[in-house]
Protein backbone atom coordinates (compact mmCIF):
# COMPACT_ATOMS: atom_id res chain seq x y z
CA UNK A 1 21.35 -17.96 63.55
CA UNK A 2 18.86 -19.50 61.25
CA UNK A 3 18.85 -16.29 59.26
CA UNK A 4 22.61 -16.31 59.05
CA UNK A 5 22.56 -19.84 57.70
CA UNK A 6 20.00 -18.90 55.09
CA UNK A 7 21.89 -15.78 54.12
CA UNK A 8 25.06 -17.80 53.59
CA UNK A 9 23.18 -20.30 51.41
CA UNK A 10 21.59 -17.65 49.21
CA UNK A 11 24.75 -16.92 47.16
CA UNK A 12 25.35 -20.64 46.69
CA UNK A 13 21.73 -21.26 45.67
CA UNK A 14 21.76 -18.24 43.37
CA UNK A 15 24.96 -19.49 41.74
CA UNK A 16 23.41 -22.94 41.23
CA UNK A 17 20.22 -21.47 39.69
CA UNK A 18 22.27 -19.11 37.55
CA UNK A 19 24.48 -21.95 36.27
CA UNK A 20 21.45 -24.15 35.57
CA UNK A 21 19.66 -21.37 33.65
CA UNK A 22 22.80 -20.50 31.70
CA UNK A 23 23.11 -24.17 30.73
CA UNK A 24 19.46 -24.16 29.59
CA UNK A 25 20.09 -21.00 27.55
CA UNK A 26 23.15 -22.62 25.97
CA UNK A 27 21.05 -25.69 25.12
CA UNK A 28 18.39 -23.48 23.52
CA UNK A 29 21.04 -21.54 21.62
CA UNK A 30 22.60 -24.73 20.24
CA UNK A 31 19.16 -26.09 19.33
CA UNK A 32 18.33 -22.87 17.49
CA UNK A 33 21.65 -22.97 15.63
CA UNK A 34 21.14 -26.62 14.71
CA UNK A 35 17.57 -26.09 13.50
CA UNK A 36 18.56 -22.97 11.56
CA UNK A 37 21.40 -24.88 9.92
CA UNK A 38 19.07 -27.74 8.98
CA UNK A 39 16.49 -25.28 7.68
CA UNK A 40 19.11 -23.49 5.55
CA UNK A 41 20.47 -26.80 4.27
CA UNK A 42 16.94 -27.91 3.31
CA UNK A 43 16.31 -24.68 1.41
CA UNK A 44 19.71 -24.82 -0.30
CA UNK A 45 18.84 -28.30 -1.53
CA UNK A 46 15.48 -27.03 -2.82
CA UNK A 47 17.19 -24.12 -4.58
CA UNK A 48 19.70 -26.49 -6.20
CA UNK A 49 16.87 -28.79 -7.26
CA UNK A 50 14.85 -25.94 -8.77
CA UNK A 51 17.88 -24.43 -10.49
CA UNK A 52 18.57 -27.85 -11.97
CA UNK A 53 15.05 -27.86 -13.40
CA UNK A 54 14.92 -24.19 -14.42
CA UNK A 55 18.03 -24.19 -16.62
CA UNK A 56 16.84 -27.03 -18.92
CA UNK A 57 13.34 -25.49 -19.03
CA UNK A 58 14.77 -22.12 -20.07
CA UNK A 59 16.96 -23.80 -22.68
CA UNK A 60 13.93 -25.67 -24.09
CA UNK A 61 11.93 -22.43 -24.18
CA UNK A 62 14.75 -20.58 -25.93
CA UNK A 63 15.06 -23.37 -28.49
CA UNK A 64 11.32 -23.33 -29.14
CA UNK A 65 11.29 -19.55 -29.52
CA UNK A 66 14.31 -19.70 -31.82
CA UNK A 67 12.47 -22.17 -34.08
CA UNK A 68 9.35 -20.00 -33.99
CA UNK A 69 11.47 -17.00 -34.98
CA UNK A 70 12.94 -19.00 -37.87
CA UNK A 71 9.42 -19.82 -39.11
CA UNK A 72 8.40 -16.17 -38.92
CA UNK A 73 11.57 -15.18 -40.77
CA UNK A 74 10.73 -17.70 -43.52
CA UNK A 75 7.22 -16.27 -43.84
CA UNK A 76 8.55 -12.72 -44.04
CA UNK A 77 11.11 -13.76 -46.66
CA UNK A 78 8.41 -15.52 -48.68
CA UNK A 79 6.46 -12.27 -49.13
CA UNK A 80 9.44 -9.95 -49.38
CA UNK A 81 8.94 -7.75 -52.50
CA UNK A 82 12.67 -7.83 -53.28
CA UNK A 83 12.56 -11.65 -53.33
CA UNK A 84 9.56 -11.51 -55.65
CA UNK A 85 11.50 -9.20 -57.99
CA UNK A 86 14.45 -11.65 -57.97
CA UNK A 87 12.02 -14.39 -59.02
CA UNK A 88 11.08 -12.37 -62.12
CA UNK A 89 7.95 -10.64 -60.91
CA UNK A 90 7.57 -6.88 -61.22
CA UNK A 91 5.62 -4.09 -59.53
CA UNK A 92 3.71 -1.57 -61.60
CA UNK A 93 2.99 1.93 -60.28
CA UNK A 94 0.71 4.72 -61.47
CA UNK A 95 1.28 8.09 -59.78
CA UNK A 96 3.35 6.38 -57.08
CA UNK A 97 0.66 3.84 -56.17
CA UNK A 98 0.78 0.12 -56.93
CA UNK A 99 -1.55 -0.96 -59.74
CA UNK A 100 -3.49 -4.05 -58.67
CA UNK A 101 -6.11 -4.22 -61.43
CA UNK A 102 -5.88 -3.49 -65.16
CA UNK A 103 -9.22 -1.69 -64.89
CA UNK A 104 -7.42 1.06 -62.94
CA UNK A 105 -5.61 2.04 -66.16
CA UNK A 106 -6.80 3.80 -69.31
CA UNK A 107 -5.13 4.64 -72.59
CA UNK A 108 -2.46 7.32 -72.24
CA UNK A 109 -1.69 6.66 -68.54
CA UNK A 110 1.98 6.69 -67.70
CA UNK A 111 3.09 3.72 -65.55
CA UNK A 112 6.39 2.70 -64.03
CA UNK A 113 7.33 -0.95 -63.79
CA UNK A 114 9.87 -1.85 -61.11
CA UNK A 115 12.08 -4.85 -61.98
CA UNK A 116 14.80 -6.60 -59.98
CA UNK A 117 17.38 -4.21 -61.40
CA UNK A 118 15.97 -0.89 -62.50
CA UNK A 119 12.59 0.32 -63.71
CA UNK A 120 10.80 0.98 -67.01
CA UNK A 121 8.35 3.81 -67.76
CA UNK A 122 5.55 3.00 -70.21
CA UNK A 123 2.43 4.55 -71.74
CA UNK A 124 -0.76 2.46 -71.66
CA UNK A 125 -2.28 1.83 -75.13
CA UNK A 126 -5.31 -0.30 -74.30
C-alpha cells in the first residue's frame, strides 16, 4: 500500500520538478536575452561614439593632406622648365645635352637654344 501511494505521487512530484526546472530555464533564457540586449546596446553606443570621432578625424586628415599636396604642387610648378621658359629663361643644348657651364663649349660648336616658343640654332664663336 505504501508503495502504491508512492507510485501515485511520483507523477505529481515529477510534474512539479519539471515545472520548476522549466521555470528556471525560462528565467535563465530571459536573463541571457536581457544581458545580450544590454551588451549589444552598449557596443552600438560605442560604435556610434567612435564613428562620431572617426569622421571628423578623417576629414581633418584629408584637409591636411590636401594642403600638403597643394604645397608640393607649388614646388613642382616653381621648378617646371616650361614655367621658366615663360619667364624668359632659355635652355641651351649641345648634342642633345643641357649645357650648364660655358667651359663645356669651344669655338665652332653648334648649340640649340630652347625658348618659350621655338628654338634657335647657333655656332659658338668664343
